[in-house]
Amino acid sequence: MRANQDLYPVSAMCRLLDVSAAGFYHWQDRPLSARARRDVEVLALIHEVYGRSDSTYGAPPCTGSYASRTGYVWDASGWLA
């Protein structure tokens, strides 16, 4: 919904998706969760590894403390899909 706010009224999108406008605005103002913040870090690491490897490697070489999330973050981001 956030990505389409400039195109469509929030009230219409809320009706279509059967959510309350108040709930949407509450969600929008909420800070990122710890997992979401970590996913941002993991995606940044993937981009860094990809850049250092002359655009050859991405998620697979990202190991260590990030290993459990790299595959998920790589897939969920849609980056180079």
PDB file of N, CA and C in Angstrom:
ATOM      1  N   MET A   1       0.823  -1.188   0.000  1.00  0.00           N
ATOM      2  CA  MET A   1       0.000   0.000   0.000  1.00  0.00           C
ATOM      3  C   MET A   1       0.865   1.250   0.000  1.00  0.00           C
ATOM      4  N   ARG A   2       1.954   1.193   0.736  1.00  0.00           N
ATOM      5  CA  ARG A   2       2.820   2.366   0.830  1.00  0.00           C
ATOM      6  C   ARG A   2       3.337   2.775  -0.546  1.00  0.00           C
ATOM      7  N   ALA A   3       3.695   1.790  -1.354  1.00  0.00           N
ATOM      8  CA  ALA A   3       4.245   2.073  -2.679  1.00  0.00           C
ATOM      9  C   ALA A   3       3.208   2.686  -3.615  1.00  0.00           C
ATOM     10  N   ASN A   4       1.935   2.473  -3.331  1.00  0.00           N
ATOM     11  CA  ASN A   4       0.873   2.974  -4.209  1.00  0.00           C
ATOM     12  C   ASN A   4       0.106   4.156  -3.647  1.00  0.00           C
ATOM     13  N   GLN A   5       0.553   4.716  -2.532  1.00  0.00           N
ATOM     14  CA  GLN A   5      -0.151   5.824  -1.904  1.00  0.00           C
ATOM     15  C   GLN A   5      -0.307   7.029  -2.828  1.00  0.00           C
ATOM     16  N   ASP A   6       0.662   7.263  -3.690  1.00  0.00           N
ATOM     17  CA  ASP A   6       0.590   8.411  -4.584  1.00  0.00           C
ATOM     18  C   ASP A   6      -0.367   8.168  -5.752  1.00  0.00           C
ATOM     19  N   LEU A   7      -0.671   6.912  -6.011  1.00  0.00           N
ATOM     20  CA  LEU A   7      -1.538   6.569  -7.141  1.00  0.00           C
ATOM     21  C   LEU A   7      -3.001   6.380  -6.755  1.00  0.00           C
ATOM     22  N   TYR A   8      -3.233   5.825  -5.563  1.00  0.00           N
ATOM     23  CA  TYR A   8      -4.589   5.491  -5.135  1.00  0.00           C
ATOM     24  C   TYR A   8      -4.836   6.012  -3.729  1.00  0.00           C
ATOM     25  N   PRO A   9      -6.090   6.342  -3.416  1.00  0.00           N
ATOM     26  CA  PRO A   9      -6.413   6.769  -2.053  1.00  0.00           C
ATOM     27  C   PRO A   9      -6.221   5.613  -1.058  1.00  0.00           C
ATOM     28  N   VAL A  10      -5.670   5.928   0.078  1.00  0.00           N
ATOM     29  CA  VAL A  10      -5.447   4.913   1.115  1.00  0.00           C
ATOM     30  C   VAL A  10      -6.767   4.271   1.516  1.00  0.00           C
ATOM     31  N   SER A  11      -7.821   5.059   1.620  1.00  0.00           N
ATOM     32  CA  SER A  11      -9.121   4.514   2.030  1.00  0.00           C
ATOM     33  C   SER A  11      -9.611   3.452   1.038  1.00  0.00           C
ATOM     34  N   ALA A  12      -9.405   3.681  -0.258  1.00  0.00           N
ATOM     35  CA  ALA A  12      -9.837   2.702  -1.257  1.00  0.00           C
ATOM     36  C   ALA A  12      -8.999   1.428  -1.163  1.00  0.00           C
ATOM     37  N   MET A  13      -7.693   1.564  -0.990  1.00  0.00           N
ATOM     38  CA  MET A  13      -6.838   0.376  -0.866  1.00  0.00           C
ATOM     39  C   MET A  13      -7.194  -0.406   0.389  1.00  0.00           C
ATOM     40  N   CYS A  14      -7.485   0.289   1.479  1.00  0.00           N
ATOM     41  CA  CYS A  14      -7.851  -0.389   2.726  1.00  0.00           C
ATOM     42  C   CYS A  14      -9.142  -1.171   2.554  1.00  0.00           C
ATOM     43  N   ARG A  15     -10.104  -0.569   1.890  1.00  0.00           N
ATOM     44  CA  ARG A  15     -11.368  -1.267   1.639  1.00  0.00           C
ATOM     45  C   ARG A  15     -11.132  -2.516   0.793  1.00  0.00           C
ATOM     46  N   LEU A  16     -10.336  -2.374  -0.267  1.00  0.00           N
ATOM     47  CA  LEU A  16     -10.057  -3.487  -1.160  1.00  0.00           C
ATOM     48  C   LEU A  16      -9.338  -4.632  -0.445  1.00  0.00           C
ATOM     49  N   LEU A  17      -8.406  -4.277   0.447  1.00  0.00           N
ATOM     50  CA  LEU A  17      -7.616  -5.284   1.155  1.00  0.00           C
ATOM     51  C   LEU A  17      -8.220  -5.693   2.497  1.00  0.00           C
ATOM     52  N   ASP A  18      -9.355  -5.091   2.824  1.00  0.00           N
ATOM     53  CA  ASP A  18     -10.077  -5.391   4.068  1.00  0.00           C
ATOM     54  C   ASP A  18      -9.207  -5.171   5.308  1.00  0.00           C
ATOM     55  N   VAL A  19      -8.557  -4.009   5.341  1.00  0.00           N
ATOM     56  CA  VAL A  19      -7.803  -3.584   6.527  1.00  0.00           C
ATOM     57  C   VAL A  19      -8.266  -2.190   6.911  1.00  0.00           C
ATOM     58  N   SER A  20      -8.054  -1.818   8.150  1.00  0.00           N
ATOM     59  CA  SER A  20      -8.472  -0.484   8.592  1.00  0.00           C
ATOM     60  C   SER A  20      -7.396   0.535   8.238  1.00  0.00           C
ATOM     61  N   ALA A  21      -7.825   1.737   7.930  1.00  0.00           N
ATOM     62  CA  ALA A  21      -6.883   2.815   7.633  1.00  0.00           C
ATOM     63  C   ALA A  21      -6.049   3.113   8.877  1.00  0.00           C
ATOM     64  N   ALA A  22      -6.670   3.070  10.047  1.00  0.00           N
ATOM     65  CA  ALA A  22      -5.938   3.328  11.291  1.00  0.00           C
ATOM     66  C   ALA A  22      -4.836   2.295  11.485  1.00  0.00           C
ATOM     67  N   GLY A  23      -5.147   1.031  11.192  1.00  0.00           N
ATOM     68  CA  GLY A  23      -4.142  -0.026  11.308  1.00  0.00           C
ATOM     69  C   GLY A  23      -2.993   0.182  10.335  1.00  0.00           C
ATOM     70  N   PHE A  24      -3.314   0.608   9.114  1.00  0.00           N
ATOM     71  CA  PHE A  24      -2.268   0.876   8.131  1.00  0.00           C
ATOM     72  C   PHE A  24      -1.355   1.991   8.602  1.00  0.00           C
ATOM     73  N   TYR A  25      -1.933   3.097   9.071  1.00  0.00           N
ATOM     74  CA  TYR A  25      -1.108   4.220   9.521  1.00  0.00           C
ATOM     75  C   TYR A  25      -0.290   3.850  10.759  1.00  0.00           C
ATOM     76  N   HIS A  26      -0.863   3.039  11.640  1.00  0.00           N
ATOM     77  CA  HIS A  26      -0.117   2.580  12.817  1.00  0.00           C
ATOM     78  C   HIS A  26       1.073   1.727  12.378  1.00  0.00           C
ATOM     79  N   TRP A  27       0.850   0.811  11.431  1.00  0.00           N
ATOM     80  CA  TRP A  27       1.924  -0.040  10.912  1.00  0.00           C
ATOM     81  C   TRP A  27       2.989   0.799  10.222  1.00  0.00           C
ATOM     82  N   GLN A  28       2.566   1.803   9.464  1.00  0.00           N
ATOM     83  CA  GLN A  28       3.497   2.631   8.698  1.00  0.00           C
ATOM     84  C   GLN A  28       4.448   3.408   9.612  1.00  0.00           C
ATOM     85  N   ASP A  29       3.970   3.836  10.764  1.00  0.00           N
ATOM     86  CA  ASP A  29       4.783   4.629  11.692  1.00  0.00           C
ATOM     87  C   ASP A  29       5.633   3.781  12.624  1.00  0.00           C
ATOM     88  N   ARG A  30       5.418   2.473  12.598  1.00  0.00           N
ATOM     89  CA  ARG A  30       6.148   1.580  13.495  1.00  0.00           C
ATOM     90  C   ARG A  30       7.599   1.432  13.032  1.00  0.00           C
ATOM     91  N   PRO A  31       8.558   1.416  13.950  1.00  0.00           N
ATOM     92  CA  PRO A  31       9.958   1.205  13.552  1.00  0.00           C
ATOM     93  C   PRO A  31      10.168  -0.227  13.059  1.00  0.00           C
ATOM     94  N   LEU A  32      11.231  -0.429  12.301  1.00  0.00           N
ATOM     95  CA  LEU A  32      11.548  -1.769  11.806  1.00  0.00           C
ATOM     96  C   LEU A  32      11.818  -2.718  12.971  1.00  0.00           C
ATOM     97  N   SER A  33      11.413  -3.954  12.805  1.00  0.00           N
ATOM     98  CA  SER A  33      11.687  -4.966  13.823  1.00  0.00           C
ATOM     99  C   SER A  33      13.171  -5.320  13.795  1.00  0.00           C
ATOM    100  N   ALA A  34      13.620  -6.027  14.810  1.00  0.00           N
ATOM    101  CA  ALA A  34      15.022  -6.443  14.876  1.00  0.00           C
ATOM    102  C   ALA A  34      15.361  -7.333  13.675  1.00  0.00           C
ATOM    103  N   ARG A  35      14.459  -8.225  13.302  1.00  0.00           N
ATOM    104  CA  ARG A  35      14.703  -9.111  12.155  1.00  0.00           C
ATOM    105  C   ARG A  35      14.781  -8.299  10.861  1.00  0.00           C
ATOM    106  N   ALA A  36      13.895  -7.333  10.687  1.00  0.00           N
ATOM    107  CA  ALA A  36      13.917  -6.509   9.475  1.00  0.00           C
ATOM    108  C   ALA A  36      15.204  -5.691   9.396  1.00  0.00           C
ATOM    109  N   ARG A  37      15.662  -5.172  10.538  1.00  0.00           N
ATOM    110  CA  ARG A  37      16.936  -4.424  10.554  1.00  0.00           C
ATOM    111  C   ARG A  37      18.095  -5.340  10.174  1.00  0.00           C
ATOM    112  N   ARG A  38      18.069  -6.561  10.684  1.00  0.00           N
ATOM    113  CA  ARG A  38      19.131  -7.528  10.359  1.00  0.00           C
ATOM    114  C   ARG A  38      19.072  -7.901   8.874  1.00  0.00           C
ATOM    115  N   ASP A  39      17.873  -8.027   8.329  1.00  0.00           N
ATOM    116  CA  ASP A  39      17.737  -8.338   6.909  1.00  0.00           C
ATOM    117  C   ASP A  39      18.313  -7.218   6.043  1.00  0.00           C
ATOM    118  N   VAL A  40      18.160  -5.980   6.469  1.00  0.00           N
ATOM    119  CA  VAL A  40      18.752  -4.856   5.748  1.00  0.00           C
ATOM    120  C   VAL A  40      20.283  -4.988   5.768  1.00  0.00           C
ATOM    121  N   GLU A  41      20.835  -5.358   6.922  1.00  0.00           N
ATOM    122  CA  GLU A  41      22.283  -5.566   7.030  1.00  0.00           C
ATOM    123  C   GLU A  41      22.746  -6.702   6.124  1.00  0.00           C
ATOM    124  N   VAL A  42      21.977  -7.791   6.101  1.00  0.00           N
ATOM    125  CA  VAL A  42      22.346  -8.948   5.279  1.00  0.00           C
ATOM    126  C   VAL A  42      22.312  -8.570   3.801  1.00  0.00           C
ATOM    127  N   LEU A  43      21.297  -7.832   3.369  1.00  0.00           N
ATOM    128  CA  LEU A  43      21.217  -7.430   1.968  1.00  0.00           C
ATOM    129  C   LEU A  43      22.375  -6.509   1.603  1.00  0.00           C
ATOM    130  N   ALA A  44      22.758  -5.633   2.522  1.00  0.00           N
ATOM    131  CA  ALA A  44      23.916  -4.767   2.274  1.00  0.00           C
ATOM    132  C   ALA A  44      25.183  -5.611   2.121  1.00  0.00           C
ATOM    133  N   LEU A  45      25.320  -6.650   2.934  1.00  0.00           N
ATOM    134  CA  LEU A  45      26.474  -7.545   2.835  1.00  0.00           C
ATOM    135  C   LEU A  45      26.479  -8.277   1.492  1.00  0.00           C
ATOM    136  N   ILE A  46      25.320  -8.732   1.060  1.00  0.00           N
ATOM    137  CA  ILE A  46      25.218  -9.415  -0.229  1.00  0.00           C
ATOM    138  C   ILE A  46      25.660  -8.477  -1.351  1.00  0.00           C
ATOM    139  N   HIS A  47      25.187  -7.242  -1.309  1.00  0.00           N
ATOM    140  CA  HIS A  47      25.585  -6.259  -2.324  1.00  0.00           C
ATOM    141  C   HIS A  47      27.100  -6.020  -2.293  1.00  0.00           C
ATOM    142  N   GLU A  48      27.664  -5.939  -1.091  1.00  0.00           N
ATOM    143  CA  GLU A  48      29.102  -5.712  -0.942  1.00  0.00           C
ATOM    144  C   GLU A  48      29.904  -6.875  -1.536  1.00  0.00           C
ATOM    145  N   VAL A  49      29.519  -8.102  -1.192  1.00  0.00           N
ATOM    146  CA  VAL A  49      30.214  -9.279  -1.712  1.00  0.00           C
ATOM    147  C   VAL A  49      30.080  -9.334  -3.229  1.00  0.00           C
ATOM    148  N   TYR A  50      28.910  -9.027  -3.735  1.00  0.00           N
ATOM    149  CA  TYR A  50      28.669  -9.035  -5.178  1.00  0.00           C
ATOM    150  C   TYR A  50      29.573  -8.016  -5.875  1.00  0.00           C
ATOM    151  N   GLY A  51      29.695  -6.833  -5.305  1.00  0.00           N
ATOM    152  CA  GLY A  51      30.554  -5.800  -5.886  1.00  0.00           C
ATOM    153  C   GLY A  51      32.025  -6.162  -5.849  1.00  0.00           C
ATOM    154  N   ARG A  52      32.481  -6.734  -4.732  1.00  0.00           N
ATOM    155  CA  ARG A  52      33.895  -7.105  -4.602  1.00  0.00           C
ATOM    156  C   ARG A  52      34.269  -8.290  -5.481  1.00  0.00           C
ATOM    157  N   SER A  53      33.285  -9.068  -5.895  1.00  0.00           N
ATOM    158  CA  SER A  53      33.580 -10.268  -6.678  1.00  0.00           C
ATOM    159  C   SER A  53      33.400 -10.026  -8.176  1.00  0.00           C
ATOM    160  N   ASP A  54      33.450  -8.778  -8.594  1.00  0.00           N
ATOM    161  CA  ASP A  54      33.235  -8.435 -10.004  1.00  0.00           C
ATOM    162  C   ASP A  54      31.894  -8.967 -10.511  1.00  0.00           C
ATOM    163  N   SER A  55      30.873  -8.813  -9.687  1.00  0.00           N
ATOM    164  CA  SER A  55      29.496  -9.211 -10.031  1.00  0.00           C
ATOM    165  C   SER A  55      29.355 -10.708 -10.306  1.00  0.00           C
ATOM    166  N   THR A  56      30.142 -11.501  -9.587  1.00  0.00           N
ATOM    167  CA  THR A  56      30.105 -12.945  -9.783  1.00  0.00           C
ATOM    168  C   THR A  56      29.335 -13.650  -8.668  1.00  0.00           C
ATOM    169  N   TYR A  57      29.613 -13.277  -7.426  1.00  0.00           N
ATOM    170  CA  TYR A  57      29.007 -13.957  -6.284  1.00  0.00           C
ATOM    171  C   TYR A  57      28.039 -13.045  -5.560  1.00  0.00           C
ATOM    172  N   GLY A  58      27.041 -13.640  -4.932  1.00  0.00           N
ATOM    173  CA  GLY A  58      26.083 -12.868  -4.148  1.00  0.00           C
ATOM    174  C   GLY A  58      25.875 -13.517  -2.800  1.00  0.00           C
ATOM    175  N   ALA A  59      24.714 -14.110  -2.588  1.00  0.00           N
ATOM    176  CA  ALA A  59      24.370 -14.675  -1.292  1.00  0.00           C
ATOM    177  C   ALA A  59      25.217 -15.876  -0.878  1.00  0.00           C
ATOM    178  N   PRO A  60      25.558 -16.819  -1.754  1.00  0.00           N
ATOM    179  CA  PRO A  60      26.260 -18.022  -1.284  1.00  0.00           C
ATOM    180  C   PRO A  60      27.520 -17.769  -0.463  1.00  0.00           C
ATOM    181  N   PRO A  61      28.414 -16.821  -0.830  1.00  0.00           N
ATOM    182  CA  PRO A  61      29.615 -16.643  -0.018  1.00  0.00           C
ATOM    183  C   PRO A  61      29.391 -15.897   1.296  1.00  0.00           C
ATOM    184  N   CYS A  62      28.211 -15.375   1.521  1.00  0.00           N
ATOM    185  CA  CYS A  62      27.934 -14.636   2.756  1.00  0.00           C
ATOM    186  C   CYS A  62      27.661 -15.646   3.865  1.00  0.00           C
ATOM    187  N   THR A  63      28.657 -15.893   4.683  1.00  0.00           N
ATOM    188  CA  THR A  63      28.507 -16.904   5.722  1.00  0.00           C
ATOM    189  C   THR A  63      28.741 -16.280   7.083  1.00  0.00           C
ATOM    190  N   GLY A  64      28.983 -17.077   8.052  1.00  0.00           N
ATOM    191  CA  GLY A  64      29.207 -16.580   9.406  1.00  0.00           C
ATOM    192  C   GLY A  64      27.883 -16.337  10.099  1.00  0.00           C
ATOM    193  N   SER A  65      27.795 -15.240  10.836  1.00  0.00           N
ATOM    194  CA  SER A  65      26.595 -14.972  11.624  1.00  0.00           C
ATOM    195  C   SER A  65      25.383 -14.662  10.745  1.00  0.00           C
ATOM    196  N   TYR A  66      25.610 -14.390   9.464  1.00  0.00           N
ATOM    197  CA  TYR A  66      24.501 -14.070   8.574  1.00  0.00           C
ATOM    198  C   TYR A  66      24.013 -15.287   7.769  1.00  0.00           C
ATOM    199  N   ALA A  67      24.681 -16.401   7.879  1.00  0.00           N
ATOM    200  CA  ALA A  67      24.424 -17.545   7.007  1.00  0.00           C
ATOM    201  C   ALA A  67      22.975 -18.004   7.014  1.00  0.00           C
ATOM    202  N   SER A  68      22.312 -17.949   8.136  1.00  0.00           N
ATOM    203  CA  SER A  68      20.955 -18.477   8.205  1.00  0.00           C
ATOM    204  C   SER A  68      19.937 -17.607   7.481  1.00  0.00           C
ATOM    205  N   ARG A  69      20.268 -16.364   7.185  1.00  0.00           N
ATOM    206  CA  ARG A  69      19.295 -15.459   6.556  1.00  0.00           C
ATOM    207  C   ARG A  69      19.624 -15.100   5.110  1.00  0.00           C
ATOM    208  N   THR A  70      20.833 -15.391   4.641  1.00  0.00           N
ATOM    209  CA  THR A  70      21.230 -14.897   3.327  1.00  0.00           C
ATOM    210  C   THR A  70      20.347 -15.416   2.203  1.00  0.00           C
ATOM    211  N   GLY A  71      20.026 -16.694   2.207  1.00  0.00           N
ATOM    212  CA  GLY A  71      19.179 -17.246   1.148  1.00  0.00           C
ATOM    213  C   GLY A  71      17.806 -16.617   1.139  1.00  0.00           C
ATOM    214  N   TYR A  72      17.217 -16.488   2.320  1.00  0.00           N
ATOM    215  CA  TYR A  72      15.887 -15.884   2.418  1.00  0.00           C
ATOM    216  C   TYR A  72      15.917 -14.437   1.945  1.00  0.00           C
ATOM    217  N   VAL A  73      16.871 -13.660   2.438  1.00  0.00           N
ATOM    218  CA  VAL A  73      16.944 -12.240   2.087  1.00  0.00           C
ATOM    219  C   VAL A  73      17.195 -12.088   0.595  1.00  0.00           C
ATOM    220  N   TRP A  74      18.081 -12.903   0.058  1.00  0.00           N
ATOM    221  CA  TRP A  74      18.386 -12.871  -1.380  1.00  0.00           C
ATOM    222  C   TRP A  74      17.108 -13.104  -2.182  1.00  0.00           C
ATOM    223  N   ASP A  75      16.344 -14.152  -1.840  1.00  0.00           N
ATOM    224  CA  ASP A  75      15.115 -14.475  -2.569  1.00  0.00           C
ATOM    225  C   ASP A  75      14.053 -13.406  -2.370  1.00  0.00           C
ATOM    226  N   ALA A  76      13.863 -12.962  -1.123  1.00  0.00           N
ATOM    227  CA  ALA A  76      12.803 -12.000  -0.820  1.00  0.00           C
ATOM    228  C   ALA A  76      13.058 -10.633  -1.447  1.00  0.00           C
ATOM    229  N   SER A  77      14.321 -10.282  -1.633  1.00  0.00           N
ATOM    230  CA  SER A  77      14.624  -8.965  -2.184  1.00  0.00           C
ATOM    231  C   SER A  77      14.296  -8.879  -3.665  1.00  0.00           C
ATOM    232  N   GLY A  78      14.315 -10.023  -4.346  1.00  0.00           N
ATOM    233  CA  GLY A  78      14.081 -10.026  -5.778  1.00  0.00           C
ATOM    234  C   GLY A  78      15.250  -9.482  -6.572  1.00  0.00           C
ATOM    235  N   TRP A  79      16.345  -9.229  -5.886  1.00  0.00           N
ATOM    236  CA  TRP A  79      17.530  -8.639  -6.508  1.00  0.00           C
ATOM    237  C   TRP A  79      18.180  -9.683  -7.400  1.00  0.00           C
ATOM    238  N   LEU A  80      18.389  -9.360  -8.642  1.00  0.00           N
ATOM    239  CA  LEU A  80      18.996 -10.246  -9.629  1.00  0.00           C
ATOM    240  C   LEU A  80      18.267 -11.563  -9.782  1.00  0.00           C
ATOM    241  N   ALA A  81      16.971 -11.516  -9.629  1.00  0.00           N
ATOM    242  CA  ALA A  81      16.181 -12.751  -9.753  1.00  0.00           C
ATOM    243  C   ALA A  81      16.018 -13.162 -11.192  1.00  0.00           C
TER     244      ALA A  81
END
